[in-house]
Amino acid sequence: MRIFQNFITFQIGWFACVLGASTDKAWVGLVIAMIVVLFHLYSDDDPMAEVKLIFTAMLLGLILDGLLTSSNWLIYANQNGQSFVPPYWIIALWAIFATTINVTLKWMHSRYVIACIFGMIGGPLSFIAGKELGAVVFIQPTQALLALAIGWGIAMPLLIYCASHFGNTSYKLKSLTIGNKGTL
């Protein structure tokens, strides 16, 4: 039931952010994204681990989408001028995406190659859907989609690794103990 709930709340948040941006009401998406994140944290067993993961994803999104923003390969709706800083609704999307890593996408933990392939396909497809809904315009489609595939191909395994490292998963990395020397 939790997987279904997590999937649905992510979809609601994604559509709210994308449609809000495309209709000049990005603030609506931001409010709904905050509700999705707060609901997720409220219902999670280890909310502090999730907060770390969410902030890591937001920082990663700031970097990846900042590079895309400054490349002039695409332009986001509600983006005022060309800058390194992507619009806030994109960062909100990264936050709600992070809520899926330990729930809907938990099957992907420790499967880094699959996570990479998933990212290389899913990232660009999400942007294509956003383009169709009017939230992004591809100025240089080939370069933008290639950059998205590479960026998301790196981001997905990195987020999966972070989720394991932050401790909110049954796939948590095991420490190796050697005698009285402690753990590695």
Protein backbone atom coordinates (compact mmCIF):
# COMPACT_ATOMS: atom_id res chain seq x y z
CA MET A 1 0.00 0.00 0.00
CA ARG A 2 2.86 2.39 0.85
CA ILE A 3 4.44 1.91 -2.58
CA PHE A 4 1.16 2.78 -4.30
CA GLN A 5 0.65 5.80 -2.04
CA ASN A 6 4.22 7.00 -2.69
CA PHE A 7 3.83 6.57 -6.45
CA ILE A 8 0.53 8.48 -6.51
CA THR A 9 1.77 11.36 -4.34
CA PHE A 10 4.85 11.69 -6.54
CA GLN A 11 2.68 11.82 -9.66
CA ILE A 12 0.44 14.46 -8.10
CA GLY A 13 3.48 16.53 -7.16
CA TRP A 14 5.10 16.10 -10.58
CA PHE A 15 1.99 17.20 -12.46
CA ALA A 16 1.39 20.09 -10.05
CA CYS A 17 4.93 21.41 -10.56
CA VAL A 18 4.98 20.96 -14.34
CA LEU A 19 1.47 22.20 -15.03
CA GLY A 20 1.88 25.01 -12.52
CA ALA A 21 5.04 26.16 -14.30
CA SER A 22 3.48 25.93 -17.72
CA THR A 23 0.48 28.04 -16.65
CA ASP A 24 2.44 30.72 -14.77
CA LYS A 25 1.30 29.30 -11.42
CA ALA A 26 4.54 27.61 -10.37
CA TRP A 27 3.82 28.53 -6.75
CA VAL A 28 0.93 26.02 -6.75
CA GLY A 29 3.33 23.25 -7.68
CA LEU A 30 5.72 24.36 -4.97
CA VAL A 31 2.98 24.27 -2.31
CA ILE A 32 1.82 20.81 -3.41
CA ALA A 33 5.42 19.56 -3.55
CA MET A 34 5.95 20.77 0.03
CA ILE A 35 2.79 18.93 1.11
CA VAL A 36 4.01 15.74 -0.63
CA VAL A 37 7.41 15.99 1.09
CA LEU A 38 5.92 16.72 4.52
CA PHE A 39 3.43 13.86 4.16
CA HIS A 40 6.30 11.56 3.18
CA LEU A 41 8.41 12.62 6.15
CA TYR A 42 5.45 12.22 8.52
CA SER A 43 4.81 8.66 7.33
CA ASP A 44 8.46 7.55 7.20
CA ASP A 45 10.23 5.49 9.87
CA ASP A 46 13.48 7.47 9.59
CA PRO A 47 12.58 11.04 8.60
CA MET A 48 16.08 12.43 9.25
CA ALA A 49 17.60 10.02 6.72
CA GLU A 50 14.94 11.11 4.25
CA VAL A 51 15.65 14.79 4.92
CA LYS A 52 19.33 14.16 4.10
CA LEU A 53 18.35 12.37 0.90
CA ILE A 54 15.90 15.11 -0.11
CA PHE A 55 18.47 17.87 0.43
CA THR A 56 21.10 15.85 -1.44
CA ALA A 57 18.71 15.43 -4.36
CA MET A 58 17.89 19.14 -4.32
CA LEU A 59 21.61 20.02 -4.38
CA LEU A 60 22.19 17.54 -7.20
CA GLY A 61 19.24 19.07 -9.08
CA LEU A 62 20.61 22.54 -8.52
CA ILE A 63 23.91 21.47 -10.10
CA LEU A 64 22.54 19.34 -12.95
CA ASP A 65 19.70 21.64 -13.93
CA GLY A 66 21.94 24.64 -13.32
CA LEU A 67 24.33 23.29 -15.95
CA LEU A 68 21.43 22.72 -18.32
CA THR A 69 20.10 26.20 -17.62
CA SER A 70 23.42 27.85 -18.33
CA SER A 71 24.03 25.75 -21.46
CA ASN A 72 21.25 27.43 -23.43
CA TRP A 73 20.16 23.99 -24.65
CA LEU A 74 16.80 24.34 -22.94
CA ILE A 75 14.74 26.99 -21.19
CA TYR A 76 12.36 26.36 -18.31
CA ALA A 77 9.00 28.01 -17.92
CA ASN A 78 9.12 30.85 -15.38
CA GLN A 79 12.83 31.23 -15.89
CA ASN A 80 13.72 34.89 -15.70
CA GLY A 81 16.67 35.40 -17.99
CA GLN A 82 19.59 33.06 -18.51
CA SER A 83 21.31 32.10 -15.29
CA PHE A 84 22.94 29.18 -13.53
CA VAL A 85 20.06 28.92 -11.07
CA PRO A 86 17.15 26.77 -12.29
CA PRO A 87 13.58 27.76 -11.33
CA TYR A 88 12.38 26.75 -7.87
CA TRP A 89 9.75 24.38 -9.24
CA ILE A 90 12.51 22.22 -10.79
CA ILE A 91 14.22 21.96 -7.40
CA ALA A 92 10.84 21.04 -5.89
CA LEU A 93 10.63 18.21 -8.45
CA TRP A 94 13.97 16.89 -7.23
CA ALA A 95 12.67 16.97 -3.66
CA ILE A 96 9.56 14.96 -4.46
CA PHE A 97 11.56 12.57 -6.64
CA ALA A 98 13.81 11.86 -3.65
CA THR A 99 10.73 10.67 -1.72
CA THR A 100 10.48 7.74 -4.15
CA ILE A 101 14.04 6.42 -3.72
CA ASN A 102 13.38 4.40 -0.56
CA VAL A 103 9.81 3.44 -1.36
CA THR A 104 8.67 3.12 -4.98
CA LEU A 105 12.22 2.70 -6.28
CA LYS A 106 13.51 0.59 -3.39
CA TRP A 107 13.74 -2.42 -5.72
CA MET A 108 16.58 -0.59 -7.43
CA HIS A 109 18.81 -0.44 -4.34
CA SER A 110 22.20 -2.10 -4.90
CA ARG A 111 21.41 -2.39 -8.62
CA TYR A 112 23.57 0.48 -9.80
CA VAL A 113 23.72 -0.52 -13.47
CA ILE A 114 19.93 -0.75 -13.60
CA ALA A 115 19.71 2.60 -11.79
CA CYS A 116 22.03 4.13 -14.38
CA ILE A 117 19.98 2.77 -17.29
CA PHE A 118 16.74 3.82 -15.58
CA GLY A 119 18.12 7.34 -15.15
CA MET A 120 19.41 7.54 -18.72
CA ILE A 121 15.96 6.68 -20.05
CA GLY A 122 13.61 8.06 -17.39
CA GLY A 123 15.26 11.47 -16.99
CA PRO A 124 14.97 12.49 -20.63
CA LEU A 125 11.47 10.99 -20.91
CA SER A 126 10.33 13.09 -17.97
CA PHE A 127 11.68 16.21 -19.67
CA ILE A 128 10.00 15.27 -22.95
CA ALA A 129 6.71 14.97 -21.03
CA GLY A 130 7.41 18.34 -19.43
CA LYS A 131 8.07 19.80 -22.88
CA GLU A 132 4.75 18.48 -24.15
CA LEU A 133 3.00 20.13 -21.21
CA GLY A 134 4.74 23.46 -21.82
CA ALA A 135 7.14 23.53 -18.85
CA VAL A 136 10.36 23.40 -20.85
CA VAL A 137 11.50 24.33 -24.35
CA PHE A 138 14.38 22.52 -26.03
CA ILE A 139 16.56 25.05 -27.86
CA GLN A 140 19.13 22.40 -28.79
CA PRO A 141 17.17 19.13 -28.45
CA THR A 142 20.00 16.70 -29.25
CA GLN A 143 22.45 18.28 -26.84
CA ALA A 144 19.82 18.73 -24.13
CA LEU A 145 18.61 15.12 -24.31
CA LEU A 146 22.16 13.78 -24.38
CA ALA A 147 23.09 15.90 -21.35
CA LEU A 148 19.93 14.76 -19.56
CA ALA A 149 20.72 11.11 -20.28
CA ILE A 150 24.27 11.45 -18.99
CA GLY A 151 23.26 13.56 -15.98
CA TRP A 152 20.43 11.28 -14.92
CA GLY A 153 22.58 8.21 -15.66
CA ILE A 154 24.95 9.51 -12.98
CA ALA A 155 22.29 10.97 -10.66
CA MET A 156 20.23 7.80 -10.20
CA PRO A 157 22.99 5.50 -8.95
CA LEU A 158 24.35 8.36 -6.85
CA LEU A 159 20.97 8.88 -5.17
CA ILE A 160 20.60 5.11 -4.65
CA TYR A 161 24.05 5.06 -3.04
CA CYS A 162 23.18 8.06 -0.84
CA ALA A 163 19.96 6.39 0.28
CA SER A 164 21.96 3.35 1.39
CA HIS A 165 24.58 5.53 3.05
CA PHE A 166 22.03 7.66 4.93
CA GLY A 167 20.55 4.56 6.51
CA ASN A 168 16.88 4.39 5.56
CA THR A 169 16.90 1.11 3.69
CA SER A 170 17.12 -2.62 4.24
CA TYR A 171 19.96 -2.57 1.70
CA LYS A 172 22.14 -0.48 3.98
CA LEU A 173 25.81 -1.04 3.33
CA LYS A 174 27.30 -3.37 5.92
CA SER A 175 30.40 -2.28 7.79
CA LEU A 176 33.33 -4.64 7.99
CA THR A 177 34.75 -5.21 11.47
CA ILE A 178 38.39 -6.24 11.83
CA GLY A 179 39.36 -7.41 15.31
CA ASN A 180 39.76 -4.64 17.85
CA LYS A 181 40.61 -2.11 15.16
CA GLY A 182 37.01 -0.96 14.70
CA THR A 183 35.03 -0.80 11.47
CA LEU A 184 36.03 0.02 7.95
